[in-house]
């Protein structure tokens, strides 16, 4: 721990707060947590949550081995309109100042997650299969979950039908996530039922299981935005989402894929769920 952080006294806290106040109006998360002792709220994190987890601070992708169930966006032929519209965002984003604080994902990785599996970094109850020991090697976990999923019956009509959520992102939600909504209540029930059955099959149930929001991630945030950068980003996001909705009123996805991954740049299909 650096020497300047050891005493934790009032003077040190005051210097830290003054430094934050003068730091070009960083767009830090809008929520703070009260300290366990009931004192002043804890300061927001210095970096977005995925820095040090999925990416290095300089923006390079970090190893994040695991498995997941996703639908890659169709990239060719019929139903590729959404992918092509996302490519336009990928082409334009580097022209804007906020892009130096994000890492754009390779377009080949674009997908909607149907159910998050297990990963090497989060070996804890709820996020790791309950019937597999926490110290099981990742490759063995991949194999065991693959065996279960080969026997899993999809039992739902395809394609999976989603649309772009045009709602304003929450304060503090950074670039660059495209939120999705099932196209109607019947599709919502179908997807939620599928997720419930996958949870039972894999014995994984994350704390946000019932609140999970479908999305397409096209970049991860490496640093907080200034007020000006955040304003530009939000204006652009409105335009981009409208353009995506116009190009592809419905985003049609085929059978979910069981994938393994080494990091966030590629999701390697093992097989389609059937």
Protein backbone atom coordinates (compact mmCIF):
# COMPACT_ATOMS: atom_id res chain seq x y z
CA UNK A 1 0.00 0.00 0.00
CA UNK A 2 1.45 3.47 -0.82
CA UNK A 3 2.60 5.41 2.23
CA UNK A 4 0.14 8.22 1.61
CA UNK A 5 -2.81 5.83 2.04
CA UNK A 6 -1.82 4.24 5.32
CA UNK A 7 -2.96 6.68 7.97
CA UNK A 8 -6.57 7.02 6.70
CA UNK A 9 -6.99 10.12 8.88
CA UNK A 10 -9.11 13.24 8.26
CA UNK A 11 -6.32 15.16 6.50
CA UNK A 12 -5.69 12.32 4.08
CA UNK A 13 -9.42 11.98 3.34
CA UNK A 14 -9.72 15.73 2.81
CA UNK A 15 -6.80 15.77 0.35
CA UNK A 16 -8.36 12.87 -1.56
CA UNK A 17 -11.75 14.59 -1.80
CA UNK A 18 -10.22 17.86 -2.95
CA UNK A 19 -8.27 16.01 -5.60
CA UNK A 20 -11.44 14.40 -6.92
CA UNK A 21 -13.32 17.70 -6.93
CA UNK A 22 -10.66 19.26 -9.11
CA UNK A 23 -10.23 16.37 -11.52
CA UNK A 24 -12.05 17.80 -14.53
CA UNK A 25 -15.51 16.76 -13.35
CA UNK A 26 -15.01 13.03 -13.76
CA UNK A 27 -18.26 11.19 -14.41
CA UNK A 28 -17.94 8.83 -11.45
CA UNK A 29 -20.74 6.41 -10.51
CA UNK A 30 -23.79 8.21 -9.18
CA UNK A 31 -24.09 5.95 -6.12
CA UNK A 32 -21.88 5.72 -3.06
CA UNK A 33 -21.85 3.23 -0.22
CA UNK A 34 -22.07 4.13 3.42
CA UNK A 35 -19.20 2.91 5.53
CA UNK A 36 -19.95 -0.09 7.80
CA UNK A 37 -19.37 2.14 10.85
CA UNK A 38 -22.03 4.61 9.69
CA UNK A 39 -19.53 7.35 8.81
CA UNK A 40 -18.99 9.23 5.57
CA UNK A 41 -19.87 7.39 2.33
CA UNK A 42 -17.06 5.47 0.69
CA UNK A 43 -15.43 7.10 -2.31
CA UNK A 44 -16.33 5.74 -5.77
CA UNK A 45 -13.83 3.29 -7.30
CA UNK A 46 -10.83 4.83 -9.03
CA UNK A 47 -11.50 2.87 -12.23
CA UNK A 48 -14.56 1.16 -13.82
CA UNK A 49 -15.21 -2.34 -12.48
CA UNK A 50 -13.81 -4.30 -15.43
CA UNK A 51 -10.39 -2.63 -15.29
CA UNK A 52 -8.12 -5.17 -13.64
CA UNK A 53 -10.82 -7.80 -14.11
CA UNK A 54 -11.28 -8.16 -17.87
CA UNK A 55 -8.83 -5.49 -19.09
CA UNK A 56 -5.52 -4.01 -18.05
CA UNK A 57 -5.56 -0.28 -17.18
CA UNK A 58 -3.95 0.57 -20.54
CA UNK A 59 -6.87 -1.02 -22.40
CA UNK A 60 -5.28 -4.34 -23.37
CA UNK A 61 -7.53 -7.35 -22.97
CA UNK A 62 -6.76 -9.47 -19.92
CA UNK A 63 -7.16 -13.27 -19.65
CA UNK A 64 -10.66 -14.13 -18.46
CA UNK A 65 -11.15 -17.86 -19.12
CA UNK A 66 -14.60 -19.32 -18.77
CA UNK A 67 -17.72 -20.45 -20.57
CA UNK A 68 -21.03 -18.90 -21.55
CA UNK A 69 -24.20 -19.38 -23.59
CA UNK A 70 -24.65 -16.70 -26.23
CA UNK A 71 -26.09 -15.92 -29.64
CA UNK A 72 -23.60 -14.37 -32.04
CA UNK A 73 -25.17 -11.74 -34.27
CA UNK A 74 -25.63 -12.97 -37.85
CA UNK A 75 -22.80 -11.36 -39.83
CA UNK A 76 -23.69 -12.41 -43.38
CA UNK A 77 -26.82 -12.73 -45.46
CA UNK A 78 -30.30 -12.69 -44.00
CA UNK A 79 -30.72 -10.91 -40.64
CA UNK A 80 -27.26 -9.22 -40.83
CA UNK A 81 -28.73 -5.70 -40.72
CA UNK A 82 -28.04 -5.28 -36.99
CA UNK A 83 -24.43 -6.37 -37.36
CA UNK A 84 -23.88 -3.93 -40.22
CA UNK A 85 -25.36 -1.08 -38.18
CA UNK A 86 -23.07 -1.94 -35.27
CA UNK A 87 -20.12 -1.89 -37.67
CA UNK A 88 -21.02 1.73 -38.46
CA UNK A 89 -20.75 2.53 -34.74
CA UNK A 90 -17.41 0.71 -34.60
CA UNK A 91 -16.19 2.81 -37.53
CA UNK A 92 -17.30 6.13 -36.05
CA UNK A 93 -16.50 5.77 -32.34
CA UNK A 94 -12.71 6.33 -32.64
CA UNK A 95 -13.36 9.84 -34.01
CA UNK A 96 -14.65 11.04 -30.64
CA UNK A 97 -12.62 12.11 -27.62
CA UNK A 98 -14.22 9.62 -25.23
CA UNK A 99 -12.85 6.75 -27.35
CA UNK A 100 -9.46 7.05 -25.64
CA UNK A 101 -11.17 5.84 -22.47
CA UNK A 102 -12.73 2.72 -23.97
CA UNK A 103 -11.56 -0.49 -25.62
CA UNK A 104 -13.64 -1.46 -28.64
CA UNK A 105 -14.32 -5.17 -29.00
CA UNK A 106 -13.65 -6.99 -32.29
CA UNK A 107 -16.89 -7.02 -34.33
CA UNK A 108 -16.51 -10.78 -34.74
CA UNK A 109 -17.30 -11.07 -31.02
CA UNK A 110 -20.66 -9.24 -31.14
CA UNK A 111 -23.31 -11.30 -29.37
CA UNK A 112 -26.22 -11.30 -26.94
CA UNK A 113 -25.64 -13.34 -23.80
CA UNK A 114 -28.49 -15.72 -23.03
CA UNK A 115 -26.99 -17.17 -19.86
CA UNK A 116 -23.65 -16.43 -18.23
CA UNK A 117 -21.72 -19.57 -17.32
CA UNK A 118 -18.71 -19.98 -15.05
CA UNK A 119 -15.39 -18.16 -15.20
CA UNK A 120 -12.02 -18.59 -13.54
CA UNK A 121 -12.11 -15.19 -11.83
CA UNK A 122 -15.41 -15.61 -9.95
CA UNK A 123 -15.32 -18.90 -8.11
CA UNK A 124 -18.05 -18.27 -5.59
CA UNK A 125 -21.49 -19.72 -4.78
CA UNK A 126 -24.12 -18.61 -7.27
CA UNK A 127 -21.58 -17.80 -9.97
CA UNK A 128 -19.85 -21.20 -10.01
CA UNK A 129 -21.79 -24.47 -10.53
CA UNK A 130 -22.91 -25.63 -7.10
CA UNK A 131 -22.24 -29.32 -7.85
CA UNK A 132 -18.67 -28.74 -9.09
CA UNK A 133 -15.92 -28.14 -6.49
CA UNK A 134 -14.64 -24.55 -6.45
CA UNK A 135 -11.06 -25.67 -7.10
CA UNK A 136 -11.89 -27.61 -10.28
CA UNK A 137 -9.65 -26.57 -13.22
CA UNK A 138 -11.44 -24.32 -15.70
CA UNK A 139 -10.95 -26.78 -18.57
CA UNK A 140 -12.63 -29.53 -16.55
CA UNK A 141 -15.51 -27.24 -15.63
CA UNK A 142 -15.93 -26.41 -19.33
CA UNK A 143 -16.09 -30.12 -20.13
CA UNK A 144 -18.57 -30.98 -17.38
CA UNK A 145 -20.95 -28.16 -18.28
CA UNK A 146 -20.65 -29.10 -21.94
CA UNK A 147 -21.80 -32.64 -21.12
CA UNK A 148 -24.86 -31.28 -19.33
CA UNK A 149 -25.71 -28.91 -22.15
CA UNK A 150 -25.43 -31.57 -24.85
CA UNK A 151 -28.34 -33.31 -23.11
CA UNK A 152 -30.28 -30.05 -22.60
CA UNK A 153 -33.49 -29.65 -24.63
CA UNK A 154 -33.98 -26.14 -25.95
CA UNK A 155 -37.76 -26.54 -26.19
CA UNK A 156 -38.47 -23.03 -27.41
CA UNK A 157 -39.32 -21.56 -30.78
CA UNK A 158 -36.59 -19.93 -32.83
CA UNK A 159 -35.53 -17.32 -33.70
CA UNK A 160 -35.16 -15.44 -30.44
CA UNK A 161 -36.61 -12.00 -31.14
CA UNK A 162 -35.27 -8.83 -29.55
CA UNK A 163 -35.30 -5.12 -30.24
CA UNK A 164 -33.16 -2.16 -29.22
CA UNK A 165 -34.09 -0.54 -25.90
CA UNK A 166 -34.27 3.19 -26.66
CA UNK A 167 -34.45 4.23 -22.99
CA UNK A 168 -31.79 6.58 -21.68
CA UNK A 169 -28.97 4.67 -19.95
CA UNK A 170 -28.68 5.07 -16.20
CA UNK A 171 -26.39 7.77 -14.83
CA UNK A 172 -22.90 6.36 -14.58
CA UNK A 173 -23.52 3.64 -17.18
CA UNK A 174 -20.55 3.96 -19.47
CA UNK A 175 -19.76 3.17 -23.08
CA UNK A 176 -20.66 1.15 -24.93
CA UNK A 177 -23.57 -1.21 -24.27
CA UNK A 178 -26.66 -1.57 -26.44
CA UNK A 179 -29.53 -2.70 -24.22
CA UNK A 180 -32.04 -5.11 -25.74
CA UNK A 181 -35.65 -5.98 -24.98
CA UNK A 182 -37.67 -9.06 -25.98
CA UNK A 183 -40.10 -7.89 -28.67
CA UNK A 184 -43.24 -8.73 -26.64
CA UNK A 185 -44.45 -10.36 -23.44
CA UNK A 186 -44.56 -13.83 -24.97
CA UNK A 187 -40.91 -13.52 -26.03
CA UNK A 188 -40.01 -12.23 -22.58
CA UNK A 189 -41.62 -15.27 -20.94
CA UNK A 190 -39.88 -17.60 -23.40
CA UNK A 191 -36.43 -16.14 -22.67
CA UNK A 192 -36.95 -16.03 -18.91
CA UNK A 193 -38.13 -19.63 -18.90
CA UNK A 194 -35.09 -20.64 -20.95
CA UNK A 195 -32.79 -18.89 -18.49
CA UNK A 196 -34.51 -20.59 -15.54
CA UNK A 197 -34.07 -24.02 -17.11
CA UNK A 198 -30.42 -23.32 -17.94
CA UNK A 199 -29.88 -22.22 -14.34
CA UNK A 200 -31.25 -25.55 -13.13
CA UNK A 201 -29.21 -27.52 -15.67
CA UNK A 202 -25.92 -25.83 -14.80
CA UNK A 203 -26.64 -25.24 -11.10
CA UNK A 204 -25.69 -21.58 -11.48
CA UNK A 205 -27.89 -18.76 -10.25
CA UNK A 206 -26.31 -15.31 -10.14
CA UNK A 207 -27.68 -12.73 -7.69
CA UNK A 208 -29.12 -10.73 -10.61
CA UNK A 209 -30.69 -13.75 -12.32
CA UNK A 210 -34.26 -12.41 -12.22
CA UNK A 211 -33.18 -8.86 -13.06
CA UNK A 212 -30.84 -9.73 -15.91
CA UNK A 213 -30.97 -7.28 -18.83
CA UNK A 214 -30.15 -8.50 -22.32
CA UNK A 215 -27.57 -6.48 -24.22
CA UNK A 216 -24.84 -6.30 -26.84
CA UNK A 217 -21.49 -5.00 -25.61
CA UNK A 218 -19.32 -3.31 -28.22
CA UNK A 219 -16.77 -1.66 -25.91
CA UNK A 220 -15.56 -1.64 -22.31
CA UNK A 221 -14.80 1.50 -20.35
CA UNK A 222 -11.24 1.99 -19.06
CA UNK A 223 -11.65 5.34 -17.28
CA UNK A 224 -14.40 7.71 -16.17
CA UNK A 225 -15.66 10.32 -18.62
CA UNK A 226 -15.63 14.04 -18.08
CA UNK A 227 -18.97 15.83 -18.14
CA UNK A 228 -18.33 17.00 -21.70
CA UNK A 229 -17.32 13.53 -22.90
CA UNK A 230 -20.35 11.98 -21.23
CA UNK A 231 -22.67 14.47 -22.91
CA UNK A 232 -21.22 13.73 -26.34
CA UNK A 233 -21.41 9.98 -25.70
CA UNK A 234 -25.06 10.09 -24.65
CA UNK A 235 -26.07 12.21 -27.65
CA UNK A 236 -24.31 9.79 -29.96
CA UNK A 237 -25.77 6.75 -28.22
CA UNK A 238 -29.30 8.06 -28.85
CA UNK A 239 -28.50 8.48 -32.54
CA UNK A 240 -26.78 5.11 -32.79
CA UNK A 241 -29.62 3.25 -31.11
CA UNK A 242 -32.21 4.92 -33.32
CA UNK A 243 -30.16 4.02 -36.39
CA UNK A 244 -29.84 0.43 -35.20
CA UNK A 245 -33.59 0.20 -34.52
CA UNK A 246 -34.37 1.59 -37.98
CA UNK A 247 -31.92 -0.76 -39.71
CA UNK A 248 -33.16 -3.78 -37.77
CA UNK A 249 -36.53 -3.28 -36.02
CA UNK A 250 -36.19 -6.84 -34.76
CA UNK A 251 -32.87 -8.51 -34.00
CA UNK A 252 -33.37 -12.18 -34.84
CA UNK A 253 -31.08 -14.69 -33.15
CA UNK A 254 -30.68 -18.38 -33.86
CA UNK A 255 -30.05 -21.28 -31.51
CA UNK A 256 -27.95 -20.37 -28.44
CA UNK A 257 -24.33 -21.52 -28.56
CA UNK A 258 -22.27 -23.05 -25.78
CA UNK A 259 -18.96 -21.17 -25.99
CA UNK A 260 -15.66 -21.18 -24.16
CA UNK A 261 -13.45 -18.11 -23.96
CA UNK A 262 -9.94 -17.03 -23.09
CA UNK A 263 -10.83 -13.34 -22.92
CA UNK A 264 -13.44 -10.84 -24.10
CA UNK A 265 -12.16 -10.76 -27.67
CA UNK A 266 -13.47 -14.14 -28.85
CA UNK A 267 -16.21 -16.60 -27.86
CA UNK A 268 -15.43 -20.00 -29.31
CA UNK A 269 -18.52 -22.03 -30.18
CA UNK A 270 -18.44 -25.64 -29.01
CA UNK A 271 -21.95 -26.52 -30.23
CA UNK A 272 -25.47 -25.17 -30.67
CA UNK A 273 -28.09 -26.02 -28.04
CA UNK A 274 -30.76 -28.21 -29.56
